[in-house]
């Protein structure tokens, strides 16, 4: 067997710092984009549930359009098309905004399902207390809705993390692009690609474990 096809532990050790640094970038992108997706998703869910069609219809249109088009096209639009209309973003910003917008639409549907799970009597009781819309959501509805939506949100967090390699298409130097760069410079791909796969596996498992612990805590009386 050719030695070039064998895993070289010494070379793997040499490239490990660069991959670890890129993995931190990938984690940072995921956390920022997911935080934005949580906020924007809640806004979209509340708009879609609004009795005002002026709010509900645009939210529905945005959610269905983004969920029906590939993330890569949305990233290309943000990074390559918008500058033609005077809105220029760095590759990193465009990547985080693209991920946030894309997953906000899925998160919005998770929120909507969670809000629908709140018993109708709770909504009517809130109205009887003459609470404003914000107080209704903050004090009564969201505390009850968050328990069933946590597992789905955890799944989307992991899915977003695994989608970050798509950002390499707009030159964001995250973990996958760093691995490809190392491979193209050294003509060895087995070590960087294998280590990258291991990083994604380990981090996804850790996040899944944390989500399960959070679920268990929320189930506690």
N, C-alpha and C. Protein backbone atom coordinates (compact mmCIF):
# COMPACT_ATOMS: atom_id res chain seq x y z
N UNK A 1 0.84 -1.20 0.00
CA UNK A 1 0.00 0.00 0.00
C UNK A 1 0.88 1.25 0.00
N UNK A 2 0.51 2.24 -0.82
CA UNK A 2 1.25 3.49 -0.88
C UNK A 2 1.20 4.21 0.46
N UNK A 3 2.36 4.71 0.91
CA UNK A 3 2.40 5.40 2.21
C UNK A 3 1.52 6.64 2.23
N UNK A 4 1.27 7.25 1.04
CA UNK A 4 0.44 8.46 0.99
C UNK A 4 -1.01 8.19 1.36
N UNK A 5 -1.40 6.90 1.28
CA UNK A 5 -2.79 6.56 1.61
C UNK A 5 -2.95 6.17 3.08
N UNK A 6 -1.84 6.11 3.82
CA UNK A 6 -1.90 5.78 5.25
C UNK A 6 -2.03 7.04 6.08
N UNK A 7 -2.73 6.92 7.19
CA UNK A 7 -2.91 8.06 8.08
C UNK A 7 -1.59 8.38 8.77
N UNK A 8 -1.10 9.61 8.57
CA UNK A 8 0.18 10.04 9.15
C UNK A 8 -0.10 10.79 10.44
N UNK A 9 0.16 10.15 11.58
CA UNK A 9 -0.14 10.76 12.87
C UNK A 9 0.70 12.01 13.12
N UNK A 10 1.94 12.00 12.62
CA UNK A 10 2.80 13.18 12.83
C UNK A 10 2.25 14.39 12.08
N UNK A 11 1.81 14.17 10.83
CA UNK A 11 1.23 15.27 10.07
C UNK A 11 -0.09 15.73 10.70
N UNK A 12 -0.87 14.77 11.20
CA UNK A 12 -2.13 15.12 11.86
C UNK A 12 -1.88 16.01 13.08
N UNK A 13 -0.82 15.69 13.81
CA UNK A 13 -0.49 16.49 14.99
C UNK A 13 -0.06 17.91 14.59
N UNK A 14 0.63 18.02 13.43
CA UNK A 14 1.10 19.34 12.96
C UNK A 14 -0.07 20.24 12.57
N UNK A 15 -1.09 19.68 11.95
CA UNK A 15 -2.19 20.50 11.45
C UNK A 15 -3.28 20.70 12.49
N UNK A 16 -3.16 20.00 13.63
CA UNK A 16 -4.21 20.07 14.65
C UNK A 16 -4.48 21.50 15.13
N UNK A 17 -3.45 22.32 15.44
CA UNK A 17 -3.73 23.69 15.92
C UNK A 17 -4.56 24.51 14.93
N UNK A 18 -4.23 24.41 13.64
CA UNK A 18 -4.99 25.17 12.64
C UNK A 18 -6.44 24.72 12.58
N UNK A 19 -6.65 23.41 12.68
CA UNK A 19 -8.02 22.90 12.64
C UNK A 19 -8.79 23.27 13.90
N UNK A 20 -8.10 23.26 15.05
CA UNK A 20 -8.77 23.66 16.29
C UNK A 20 -9.18 25.13 16.23
N UNK A 21 -8.30 25.97 15.68
CA UNK A 21 -8.63 27.39 15.54
C UNK A 21 -9.84 27.57 14.62
N UNK A 22 -9.86 26.83 13.52
CA UNK A 22 -10.99 26.92 12.59
C UNK A 22 -12.27 26.38 13.22
N UNK A 23 -12.12 25.36 14.08
CA UNK A 23 -13.31 24.81 14.73
C UNK A 23 -13.93 25.84 15.68
N UNK A 24 -13.08 26.65 16.33
CA UNK A 24 -13.61 27.71 17.19
C UNK A 24 -14.38 28.74 16.36
N UNK A 25 -13.85 29.05 15.18
CA UNK A 25 -14.58 29.96 14.28
C UNK A 25 -15.93 29.37 13.90
N UNK A 26 -15.94 28.08 13.59
CA UNK A 26 -17.19 27.40 13.21
C UNK A 26 -18.19 27.43 14.36
N UNK A 27 -17.71 27.16 15.57
CA UNK A 27 -18.61 27.19 16.74
C UNK A 27 -19.14 28.59 16.98
N UNK A 28 -18.27 29.60 16.85
CA UNK A 28 -18.70 30.98 17.04
C UNK A 28 -19.76 31.39 16.02
N UNK A 29 -19.54 31.03 14.77
CA UNK A 29 -20.52 31.33 13.72
C UNK A 29 -21.87 30.69 14.07
N UNK A 30 -21.82 29.43 14.49
CA UNK A 30 -23.06 28.71 14.80
C UNK A 30 -23.81 29.36 15.96
N UNK A 31 -23.08 29.72 17.02
CA UNK A 31 -23.75 30.29 18.20
C UNK A 31 -24.38 31.65 17.88
N UNK A 32 -23.63 32.50 17.17
CA UNK A 32 -24.18 33.83 16.82
C UNK A 32 -25.39 33.68 15.89
N UNK A 33 -25.23 32.85 14.86
CA UNK A 33 -26.32 32.69 13.89
C UNK A 33 -27.55 32.06 14.54
N UNK A 34 -27.33 31.11 15.46
CA UNK A 34 -28.49 30.46 16.08
C UNK A 34 -29.20 31.41 17.05
N UNK A 35 -28.42 32.26 17.75
CA UNK A 35 -29.05 33.25 18.63
C UNK A 35 -29.92 34.20 17.80
N UNK A 36 -29.41 34.64 16.65
CA UNK A 36 -30.21 35.49 15.77
C UNK A 36 -31.44 34.75 15.26
N UNK A 37 -31.27 33.47 14.93
CA UNK A 37 -32.39 32.68 14.42
C UNK A 37 -33.48 32.52 15.48
N UNK A 38 -33.08 32.37 16.74
CA UNK A 38 -34.07 32.23 17.81
C UNK A 38 -34.93 33.48 17.93
N UNK A 39 -34.28 34.65 17.87
CA UNK A 39 -35.01 35.91 18.01
C UNK A 39 -35.89 36.16 16.77
N UNK A 40 -35.29 36.06 15.59
CA UNK A 40 -36.04 36.31 14.36
C UNK A 40 -37.15 35.27 14.17
N UNK A 41 -36.88 34.03 14.55
CA UNK A 41 -37.91 32.99 14.44
C UNK A 41 -39.11 33.28 15.31
N UNK A 42 -38.87 33.81 16.52
CA UNK A 42 -39.98 34.15 17.40
C UNK A 42 -40.81 35.29 16.80
N UNK A 43 -40.12 36.28 16.23
CA UNK A 43 -40.84 37.39 15.60
C UNK A 43 -41.70 36.87 14.44
N UNK A 44 -41.12 36.01 13.61
CA UNK A 44 -41.87 35.47 12.47
C UNK A 44 -43.07 34.63 12.94
N UNK A 45 -42.86 33.84 14.00
CA UNK A 45 -43.96 33.01 14.51
C UNK A 45 -45.09 33.87 15.03
N UNK A 46 -44.75 34.93 15.76
CA UNK A 46 -45.80 35.82 16.29
C UNK A 46 -46.51 36.55 15.16
N UNK A 47 -45.76 36.96 14.14
CA UNK A 47 -46.38 37.62 12.99
C UNK A 47 -47.32 36.66 12.27
N UNK A 48 -46.87 35.40 12.10
CA UNK A 48 -47.70 34.44 11.36
C UNK A 48 -48.97 34.09 12.11
N UNK A 49 -48.93 34.15 13.44
CA UNK A 49 -50.12 33.87 14.23
C UNK A 49 -51.03 35.07 14.39
N UNK A 50 -50.55 36.23 13.94
CA UNK A 50 -51.32 37.46 14.12
C UNK A 50 -52.62 37.40 13.33
N UNK A 51 -53.71 37.91 13.91
CA UNK A 51 -54.98 37.99 13.14
C UNK A 51 -54.92 39.04 12.04
N UNK A 52 -53.91 39.90 12.08
CA UNK A 52 -53.76 40.94 11.05
C UNK A 52 -53.08 40.33 9.82
N UNK A 53 -53.77 40.32 8.70
CA UNK A 53 -53.20 39.74 7.50
C UNK A 53 -51.97 40.51 7.02
N UNK A 54 -51.93 41.80 7.32
CA UNK A 54 -50.79 42.63 6.93
C UNK A 54 -49.50 42.11 7.55
N UNK A 55 -49.61 41.44 8.71
CA UNK A 55 -48.45 40.84 9.36
C UNK A 55 -48.31 39.36 9.01
N UNK A 56 -49.41 38.66 8.99
CA UNK A 56 -49.37 37.21 8.81
C UNK A 56 -48.92 36.81 7.40
N UNK A 57 -49.42 37.49 6.38
CA UNK A 57 -49.10 37.08 5.02
C UNK A 57 -47.62 37.28 4.66
N UNK A 58 -47.02 38.45 4.96
CA UNK A 58 -45.58 38.57 4.66
C UNK A 58 -44.73 37.55 5.40
N UNK A 59 -45.09 37.28 6.67
CA UNK A 59 -44.32 36.29 7.43
C UNK A 59 -44.44 34.91 6.79
N UNK A 60 -45.66 34.56 6.38
CA UNK A 60 -45.87 33.27 5.73
C UNK A 60 -45.08 33.18 4.42
N UNK A 61 -45.09 34.27 3.65
CA UNK A 61 -44.39 34.28 2.36
C UNK A 61 -42.88 34.11 2.56
N UNK A 62 -42.32 34.83 3.54
CA UNK A 62 -40.88 34.73 3.81
C UNK A 62 -40.51 33.32 4.25
N UNK A 63 -41.30 32.76 5.17
CA UNK A 63 -41.01 31.42 5.70
C UNK A 63 -41.05 30.38 4.58
N UNK A 64 -42.09 30.42 3.77
CA UNK A 64 -42.24 29.41 2.73
C UNK A 64 -41.17 29.58 1.64
N UNK A 65 -40.85 30.84 1.30
CA UNK A 65 -39.84 31.07 0.26
C UNK A 65 -38.47 30.56 0.70
N UNK A 66 -38.07 30.92 1.91
CA UNK A 66 -36.73 30.53 2.37
C UNK A 66 -36.64 29.03 2.61
N UNK A 67 -37.72 28.43 3.13
CA UNK A 67 -37.68 26.98 3.37
C UNK A 67 -37.70 26.19 2.07
N UNK A 68 -38.12 26.84 0.99
CA UNK A 68 -38.24 26.14 -0.29
C UNK A 68 -37.06 26.37 -1.22
N UNK A 69 -36.07 27.13 -0.77
CA UNK A 69 -34.90 27.39 -1.60
C UNK A 69 -33.64 26.95 -0.85
N UNK A 70 -32.62 26.51 -1.59
CA UNK A 70 -31.40 26.01 -0.92
C UNK A 70 -30.65 27.10 -0.16
N UNK A 71 -30.04 26.72 0.93
CA UNK A 71 -29.23 27.65 1.71
C UNK A 71 -28.11 28.25 0.87
N UNK A 72 -27.54 27.45 -0.03
CA UNK A 72 -26.42 27.95 -0.83
C UNK A 72 -26.85 29.11 -1.73
N UNK A 73 -28.03 29.02 -2.31
CA UNK A 73 -28.52 30.11 -3.16
C UNK A 73 -28.74 31.37 -2.32
N UNK A 74 -29.26 31.19 -1.12
CA UNK A 74 -29.48 32.35 -0.25
C UNK A 74 -28.15 33.02 0.11
N UNK A 75 -27.13 32.20 0.35
CA UNK A 75 -25.81 32.76 0.67
C UNK A 75 -25.23 33.50 -0.54
N UNK A 76 -25.36 32.91 -1.73
CA UNK A 76 -24.89 33.58 -2.94
C UNK A 76 -25.60 34.91 -3.14
N UNK A 77 -26.91 34.92 -2.88
CA UNK A 77 -27.68 36.15 -3.04
C UNK A 77 -27.16 37.23 -2.08
N UNK A 78 -26.94 36.85 -0.82
CA UNK A 78 -26.47 37.83 0.16
C UNK A 78 -25.07 38.35 -0.16
N UNK A 79 -24.21 37.45 -0.62
CA UNK A 79 -22.79 37.82 -0.77
C UNK A 79 -22.46 38.37 -2.15
N UNK A 80 -23.13 37.85 -3.20
CA UNK A 80 -22.76 38.25 -4.55
C UNK A 80 -23.77 39.18 -5.22
N UNK A 81 -25.06 39.08 -4.85
CA UNK A 81 -26.09 39.88 -5.52
C UNK A 81 -26.35 41.20 -4.81
N UNK A 82 -26.48 41.16 -3.50
CA UNK A 82 -26.81 42.39 -2.76
C UNK A 82 -25.81 43.53 -2.98
N UNK A 83 -24.50 43.25 -3.13
CA UNK A 83 -23.58 44.38 -3.41
C UNK A 83 -23.95 45.17 -4.66
N UNK A 84 -24.62 44.53 -5.62
CA UNK A 84 -25.07 45.26 -6.83
C UNK A 84 -26.12 46.30 -6.48
N UNK A 85 -26.77 46.13 -5.32
CA UNK A 85 -27.80 47.08 -4.89
C UNK A 85 -27.32 47.94 -3.72
N UNK A 86 -26.00 47.98 -3.54
CA UNK A 86 -25.42 48.88 -2.54
C UNK A 86 -25.29 48.31 -1.15
N UNK A 87 -25.62 47.03 -0.95
CA UNK A 87 -25.51 46.43 0.38
C UNK A 87 -24.40 45.38 0.35
N UNK A 88 -23.26 45.75 0.89
CA UNK A 88 -22.10 44.85 0.87
C UNK A 88 -21.81 44.35 2.28
N UNK A 89 -21.63 43.06 2.39
CA UNK A 89 -21.28 42.46 3.68
C UNK A 89 -20.02 41.63 3.51
N UNK A 90 -19.26 41.51 4.60
CA UNK A 90 -18.12 40.60 4.56
C UNK A 90 -18.63 39.17 4.41
N UNK A 91 -17.73 38.28 4.02
CA UNK A 91 -18.14 36.89 3.86
C UNK A 91 -18.64 36.31 5.18
N UNK A 92 -17.96 36.66 6.27
CA UNK A 92 -18.36 36.14 7.58
C UNK A 92 -19.75 36.64 7.97
N UNK A 93 -19.98 37.96 7.77
CA UNK A 93 -21.29 38.52 8.12
C UNK A 93 -22.39 37.92 7.24
N UNK A 94 -22.12 37.83 5.94
CA UNK A 94 -23.12 37.24 5.03
C UNK A 94 -23.41 35.80 5.42
N UNK A 95 -22.39 35.08 5.83
CA UNK A 95 -22.59 33.69 6.23
C UNK A 95 -23.47 33.57 7.46
N UNK A 96 -23.18 34.40 8.47
CA UNK A 96 -23.99 34.33 9.69
C UNK A 96 -25.42 34.79 9.44
N UNK A 97 -25.57 35.86 8.65
CA UNK A 97 -26.92 36.35 8.34
C UNK A 97 -27.69 35.29 7.55
N UNK A 98 -27.02 34.67 6.58
CA UNK A 98 -27.68 33.65 5.78
C UNK A 98 -28.14 32.47 6.62
N UNK A 99 -27.26 31.98 7.48
CA UNK A 99 -27.64 30.88 8.36
C UNK A 99 -28.79 31.28 9.29
N UNK A 100 -28.69 32.50 9.84
CA UNK A 100 -29.74 32.96 10.77
C UNK A 100 -31.09 33.06 10.07
N UNK A 101 -31.11 33.66 8.88
CA UNK A 101 -32.37 33.79 8.14
C UNK A 101 -32.93 32.41 7.78
N UNK A 102 -32.07 31.54 7.30
CA UNK A 102 -32.52 30.22 6.87
C UNK A 102 -33.14 29.44 8.03
N UNK A 103 -32.43 29.39 9.14
CA UNK A 103 -32.94 28.59 10.25
C UNK A 103 -34.01 29.29 11.05
N UNK A 104 -34.09 30.63 10.96
CA UNK A 104 -35.18 31.34 11.64
C UNK A 104 -36.53 30.87 11.11
N UNK A 105 -36.59 30.54 9.83
CA UNK A 105 -37.86 30.10 9.24
C UNK A 105 -38.26 28.72 9.77
N UNK A 106 -37.30 27.85 10.00
CA UNK A 106 -37.62 26.55 10.59
C UNK A 106 -37.94 26.71 12.08
N UNK A 107 -37.17 27.56 12.76
CA UNK A 107 -37.42 27.80 14.18
C UNK A 107 -38.80 28.42 14.38
N UNK A 108 -39.21 29.29 13.45
CA UNK A 108 -40.52 29.93 13.56
C UNK A 108 -41.63 28.87 13.58
N UNK A 109 -41.48 27.83 12.75
CA UNK A 109 -42.49 26.77 12.74
C UNK A 109 -42.46 25.96 14.03
N UNK A 110 -41.27 25.82 14.62
CA UNK A 110 -41.18 25.13 15.91
C UNK A 110 -41.90 25.95 16.99
N UNK A 111 -41.63 27.26 16.97
CA UNK A 111 -42.32 28.14 17.93
C UNK A 111 -43.83 28.05 17.74
N UNK A 112 -44.26 28.09 16.47
CA UNK A 112 -45.70 28.08 16.19
C UNK A 112 -46.34 26.81 16.72
N UNK A 113 -45.67 25.67 16.54
CA UNK A 113 -46.22 24.42 17.06
C UNK A 113 -46.26 24.45 18.59
N UNK A 114 -45.22 25.02 19.20
CA UNK A 114 -45.20 25.11 20.66
C UNK A 114 -46.29 26.02 21.18
N UNK A 115 -46.50 27.16 20.50
CA UNK A 115 -47.56 28.08 20.92
C UNK A 115 -48.93 27.45 20.75
N UNK A 116 -49.10 26.68 19.69
CA UNK A 116 -50.39 26.01 19.47
C UNK A 116 -50.67 24.95 20.52
N UNK A 117 -49.58 24.44 21.17
CA UNK A 117 -49.78 23.40 22.17
C UNK A 117 -50.27 23.95 23.51
N UNK A 118 -50.19 25.28 23.67
CA UNK A 118 -50.68 25.89 24.92
C UNK A 118 -52.22 25.81 24.91
N UNK A 119 -52.82 25.28 25.98
CA UNK A 119 -54.29 25.14 26.00
C UNK A 119 -55.01 26.46 25.73
N UNK A 120 -56.09 26.35 24.98
CA UNK A 120 -56.86 27.55 24.62
C UNK A 120 -57.32 28.33 25.84
N UNK A 121 -57.60 27.59 26.92
CA UNK A 121 -58.07 28.25 28.14
C UNK A 121 -57.05 29.22 28.71
N UNK A 122 -55.75 28.92 28.49
CA UNK A 122 -54.71 29.81 29.00
C UNK A 122 -54.73 31.15 28.25
N UNK A 123 -54.95 31.09 26.93
CA UNK A 123 -55.04 32.32 26.15
C UNK A 123 -56.27 33.14 26.59
N UNK A 124 -57.37 32.44 26.79
CA UNK A 124 -58.60 33.14 27.17
C UNK A 124 -58.47 33.74 28.57
N UNK A 125 -57.78 33.02 29.46
CA UNK A 125 -57.57 33.55 30.81
C UNK A 125 -56.71 34.80 30.77
N UNK A 126 -55.70 34.79 29.89
CA UNK A 126 -54.84 35.97 29.76
C UNK A 126 -55.63 37.17 29.24
N UNK A 127 -56.53 36.92 28.30
CA UNK A 127 -57.37 38.01 27.80
C UNK A 127 -58.29 38.53 28.89
N UNK A 128 -58.82 37.60 29.71
CA UNK A 128 -59.72 38.01 30.78
C UNK A 128 -59.01 38.88 31.81
N UNK A 129 -57.68 38.69 31.93
CA UNK A 129 -56.90 39.50 32.88
C UNK A 129 -56.47 40.82 32.26
N UNK A 130 -56.88 41.06 31.01
CA UNK A 130 -56.56 42.31 30.31
C UNK A 130 -55.06 42.54 30.18
N UNK A 131 -54.31 41.46 29.99
CA UNK A 131 -52.86 41.60 29.81
C UNK A 131 -52.57 42.02 28.37
N UNK A 132 -51.53 42.81 28.19
CA UNK A 132 -51.11 43.19 26.85
C UNK A 132 -50.48 42.01 26.13
N UNK A 133 -50.35 42.09 24.80
CA UNK A 133 -49.79 40.97 24.03
C UNK A 133 -48.41 40.53 24.53
N UNK A 134 -47.54 41.50 24.84
CA UNK A 134 -46.19 41.15 25.29
C UNK A 134 -46.23 40.40 26.61
N UNK A 135 -47.08 40.88 27.55
CA UNK A 135 -47.18 40.21 28.85
C UNK A 135 -47.81 38.83 28.73
N UNK A 136 -48.74 38.68 27.77
CA UNK A 136 -49.36 37.38 27.56
C UNK A 136 -48.30 36.35 27.14
N UNK A 137 -47.46 36.75 26.17
CA UNK A 137 -46.42 35.83 25.70
C UNK A 137 -45.37 35.60 26.79
N UNK A 138 -44.89 36.68 27.40
CA UNK A 138 -43.77 36.57 28.34
C UNK A 138 -44.14 35.84 29.62
N UNK A 139 -45.31 36.11 30.17
CA UNK A 139 -45.66 35.59 31.49
C UNK A 139 -46.45 34.30 31.45
N UNK A 140 -47.21 34.07 30.40
CA UNK A 140 -48.12 32.91 30.40
C UNK A 140 -47.81 31.91 29.30
N UNK A 141 -47.67 32.40 28.07
CA UNK A 141 -47.59 31.47 26.95
C UNK A 141 -46.19 30.86 26.79
N UNK A 142 -45.15 31.70 26.71
CA UNK A 142 -43.81 31.19 26.43
C UNK A 142 -43.31 30.21 27.50
N UNK A 143 -43.52 30.47 28.81
CA UNK A 143 -43.06 29.48 29.80
C UNK A 143 -43.66 28.09 29.59
N UNK A 144 -44.89 28.03 29.07
CA UNK A 144 -45.52 26.72 28.83
C UNK A 144 -45.11 26.14 27.49
N UNK A 145 -44.80 27.01 26.54
CA UNK A 145 -44.49 26.52 25.19
C UNK A 145 -43.05 26.06 25.05
N UNK A 146 -42.16 26.54 25.93
CA UNK A 146 -40.73 26.28 25.72
C UNK A 146 -40.38 24.81 25.95
N UNK A 147 -41.12 24.14 26.86
CA UNK A 147 -40.78 22.74 27.16
C UNK A 147 -40.89 21.83 25.94
N UNK A 148 -41.99 21.87 25.18
CA UNK A 148 -42.06 20.94 24.02
C UNK A 148 -41.18 21.35 22.85
N UNK A 149 -40.70 22.62 22.82
CA UNK A 149 -39.94 23.04 21.63
C UNK A 149 -38.44 22.84 21.79
N UNK A 150 -37.97 22.59 23.02
CA UNK A 150 -36.53 22.45 23.25
C UNK A 150 -35.89 21.34 22.41
N UNK A 151 -36.50 20.13 22.35
CA UNK A 151 -35.86 19.07 21.54
C UNK A 151 -35.70 19.47 20.08
N UNK A 152 -36.73 20.08 19.51
CA UNK A 152 -36.65 20.47 18.09
C UNK A 152 -35.61 21.57 17.89
N UNK A 153 -35.54 22.52 18.83
CA UNK A 153 -34.54 23.58 18.71
C UNK A 153 -33.13 22.99 18.79
N UNK A 154 -32.95 22.00 19.67
CA UNK A 154 -31.65 21.35 19.77
C UNK A 154 -31.26 20.67 18.47
N UNK A 155 -32.23 20.03 17.83
CA UNK A 155 -31.94 19.38 16.55
C UNK A 155 -31.53 20.40 15.49
N UNK A 156 -32.21 21.55 15.47
CA UNK A 156 -31.86 22.56 14.48
C UNK A 156 -30.50 23.21 14.78
N UNK A 157 -30.14 23.30 16.06
CA UNK A 157 -28.81 23.81 16.40
C UNK A 157 -27.73 22.89 15.83
N UNK A 158 -27.92 21.60 16.00
CA UNK A 158 -26.95 20.63 15.46
C UNK A 158 -26.95 20.68 13.93
N UNK A 159 -28.14 20.79 13.34
CA UNK A 159 -28.22 20.85 11.87
C UNK A 159 -27.51 22.10 11.34
N UNK A 160 -27.68 23.23 12.04
CA UNK A 160 -27.00 24.45 11.60
C UNK A 160 -25.49 24.27 11.68
N UNK A 161 -25.03 23.67 12.78
CA UNK A 161 -23.59 23.45 12.94
C UNK A 161 -23.04 22.61 11.79
N UNK A 162 -23.79 21.57 11.41
CA UNK A 162 -23.33 20.70 10.32
C UNK A 162 -23.47 21.36 8.95
N UNK A 163 -24.25 22.45 8.87
CA UNK A 163 -24.39 23.17 7.60
C UNK A 163 -23.32 24.24 7.41
N UNK A 164 -22.53 24.52 8.44
CA UNK A 164 -21.53 25.59 8.32
C UNK A 164 -20.51 25.37 7.20
N UNK A 165 -20.19 24.11 6.80
CA UNK A 165 -19.27 23.96 5.67
C UNK A 165 -19.77 24.62 4.38
N UNK A 166 -21.08 24.84 4.27
CA UNK A 166 -21.61 25.51 3.07
C UNK A 166 -21.03 26.92 2.95
N UNK A 167 -20.69 27.51 4.09
CA UNK A 167 -20.16 28.87 4.07
C UNK A 167 -18.82 28.97 3.34
N UNK A 168 -18.15 27.85 3.18
CA UNK A 168 -16.89 27.88 2.45
C UNK A 168 -17.10 28.31 1.00
N UNK A 169 -18.34 28.15 0.49
CA UNK A 169 -18.65 28.55 -0.90
C UNK A 169 -18.56 30.06 -1.08
N UNK A 170 -18.67 30.82 0.02
CA UNK A 170 -18.52 32.28 -0.08
C UNK A 170 -17.24 32.72 0.64
N UNK A 171 -16.29 31.82 0.71
CA UNK A 171 -14.91 32.07 1.18
C UNK A 171 -14.79 32.28 2.69
N UNK A 172 -15.78 31.87 3.48
CA UNK A 172 -15.63 31.93 4.93
C UNK A 172 -14.68 30.80 5.35
N UNK A 173 -13.61 31.17 6.04
CA UNK A 173 -12.62 30.16 6.43
C UNK A 173 -13.07 29.50 7.73
N UNK A 174 -14.01 28.58 7.60
CA UNK A 174 -14.44 27.78 8.75
C UNK A 174 -13.68 26.45 8.70
N UNK A 175 -14.14 25.50 9.47
CA UNK A 175 -13.39 24.26 9.63
C UNK A 175 -13.19 23.50 8.32
N UNK A 176 -14.23 23.40 7.52
CA UNK A 176 -14.14 22.61 6.29
C UNK A 176 -13.19 23.26 5.28
N UNK A 177 -13.30 24.58 5.12
CA UNK A 177 -12.41 25.26 4.16
C UNK A 177 -10.97 25.19 4.62
N UNK A 178 -10.74 25.28 5.94
CA UNK A 178 -9.38 25.16 6.46
C UNK A 178 -8.82 23.78 6.15
N UNK A 179 -9.65 22.75 6.29
CA UNK A 179 -9.20 21.39 5.96
C UNK A 179 -8.87 21.27 4.47
N UNK A 180 -9.70 21.86 3.62
CA UNK A 180 -9.45 21.81 2.17
C UNK A 180 -8.16 22.57 1.83
N UNK A 181 -7.95 23.72 2.49
CA UNK A 181 -6.73 24.49 2.24
C UNK A 181 -5.48 23.69 2.62
N UNK A 182 -5.55 23.03 3.78
CA UNK A 182 -4.41 22.21 4.21
C UNK A 182 -4.17 21.08 3.20
N UNK A 183 -5.24 20.48 2.73
CA UNK A 183 -5.11 19.39 1.77
C UNK A 183 -4.51 19.86 0.45
N UNK A 184 -4.95 21.03 -0.03
CA UNK A 184 -4.45 21.52 -1.31
C UNK A 184 -2.98 21.95 -1.22
N UNK A 185 -2.58 22.42 -0.03
CA UNK A 185 -1.18 22.85 0.14
C UNK A 185 -0.23 21.68 0.35
N UNK A 186 -0.71 20.64 1.02
CA UNK A 186 0.17 19.52 1.37
C UNK A 186 -0.02 18.31 0.46
N UNK A 187 -1.11 18.34 -0.35
CA UNK A 187 -1.47 17.20 -1.19
C UNK A 187 -1.77 15.96 -0.34
N UNK A 188 -2.18 16.21 0.90
CA UNK A 188 -2.64 15.12 1.77
C UNK A 188 -4.01 15.52 2.31
N UNK A 189 -5.01 14.72 2.02
CA UNK A 189 -6.37 15.04 2.43
C UNK A 189 -6.89 14.12 3.54
N UNK A 190 -6.31 12.95 3.66
CA UNK A 190 -6.87 11.98 4.61
C UNK A 190 -6.83 12.49 6.05
N UNK A 191 -5.74 13.17 6.43
CA UNK A 191 -5.65 13.65 7.82
C UNK A 191 -6.59 14.83 8.09
N UNK A 192 -6.55 15.91 7.29
CA UNK A 192 -7.44 17.04 7.60
C UNK A 192 -8.92 16.68 7.48
N UNK A 193 -9.29 15.89 6.48
CA UNK A 193 -10.71 15.55 6.32
C UNK A 193 -11.17 14.62 7.44
N UNK A 194 -10.30 13.65 7.82
CA UNK A 194 -10.66 12.75 8.92
C UNK A 194 -10.82 13.50 10.23
N UNK A 195 -9.85 14.38 10.53
CA UNK A 195 -9.93 15.16 11.77
C UNK A 195 -11.15 16.08 11.77
N UNK A 196 -11.46 16.65 10.61
CA UNK A 196 -12.64 17.52 10.52
C UNK A 196 -13.91 16.73 10.82
N UNK A 197 -14.00 15.53 10.26
CA UNK A 197 -15.16 14.69 10.55
C UNK A 197 -15.27 14.35 12.02
N UNK A 198 -14.12 14.07 12.65
CA UNK A 198 -14.12 13.75 14.08
C UNK A 198 -14.57 14.95 14.90
N UNK A 199 -14.10 16.16 14.52
CA UNK A 199 -14.52 17.37 15.23
C UNK A 199 -16.04 17.54 15.16
N UNK A 200 -16.58 17.41 13.96
CA UNK A 200 -18.03 17.57 13.80
C UNK A 200 -18.78 16.52 14.63
N UNK A 201 -18.29 15.29 14.62
CA UNK A 201 -18.95 14.23 15.37
C UNK A 201 -18.93 14.52 16.87
N UNK A 202 -17.75 14.86 17.40
CA UNK A 202 -17.63 15.09 18.84
C UNK A 202 -18.48 16.27 19.29
N UNK A 203 -18.40 17.38 18.55
CA UNK A 203 -19.14 18.56 18.96
C UNK A 203 -20.65 18.32 18.87
N UNK A 204 -21.09 17.62 17.83
CA UNK A 204 -22.52 17.31 17.70
C UNK A 204 -22.99 16.43 18.86
N UNK A 205 -22.16 15.46 19.25
CA UNK A 205 -22.54 14.59 20.36
C UNK A 205 -22.62 15.37 21.67
N UNK A 206 -21.68 16.29 21.88
CA UNK A 206 -21.71 17.10 23.10
C UNK A 206 -22.97 17.96 23.14
N UNK A 207 -23.29 18.59 22.02
CA UNK A 207 -24.50 19.44 21.97
C UNK A 207 -25.75 18.59 22.23
N UNK A 208 -25.81 17.41 21.61
CA UNK A 208 -26.96 16.52 21.81
C UNK A 208 -27.10 16.14 23.28
N UNK A 209 -25.96 15.87 23.93
CA UNK A 209 -25.99 15.53 25.35
C UNK A 209 -26.50 16.69 26.19
N UNK A 210 -26.02 17.90 25.89
CA UNK A 210 -26.47 19.09 26.63
C UNK A 210 -27.97 19.33 26.44
N UNK A 211 -28.44 19.13 25.23
CA UNK A 211 -29.88 19.33 24.96
C UNK A 211 -30.70 18.31 25.75
N UNK A 212 -30.24 17.05 25.80
CA UNK A 212 -30.98 16.03 26.56
C UNK A 212 -31.01 16.37 28.05
N UNK A 213 -29.90 16.90 28.55
CA UNK A 213 -29.89 17.31 29.98
C UNK A 213 -30.86 18.46 30.23
N UNK A 214 -30.89 19.41 29.28
CA UNK A 214 -31.83 20.53 29.42
C UNK A 214 -33.26 20.03 29.37
N UNK A 215 -33.54 19.08 28.49
CA UNK A 215 -34.88 18.49 28.43
C UNK A 215 -35.25 17.85 29.76
N UNK A 216 -34.30 17.13 30.34
CA UNK A 216 -34.57 16.45 31.61
C UNK A 216 -34.85 17.46 32.71
N UNK A 217 -34.11 18.57 32.71
CA UNK A 217 -34.34 19.59 33.73
C UNK A 217 -35.71 20.23 33.56
N UNK A 218 -36.12 20.45 32.31
CA UNK A 218 -37.42 21.07 32.08
C UNK A 218 -38.56 20.14 32.45
N UNK A 219 -38.30 18.81 32.39
CA UNK A 219 -39.35 17.86 32.76
C UNK A 219 -39.52 17.75 34.26
N UNK A 220 -38.50 18.23 35.01
CA UNK A 220 -38.59 18.14 36.47
C UNK A 220 -39.64 19.10 36.99
N UNK A 221 -40.47 18.65 37.97
CA UNK A 221 -41.53 19.52 38.50
C UNK A 221 -40.94 20.71 39.25
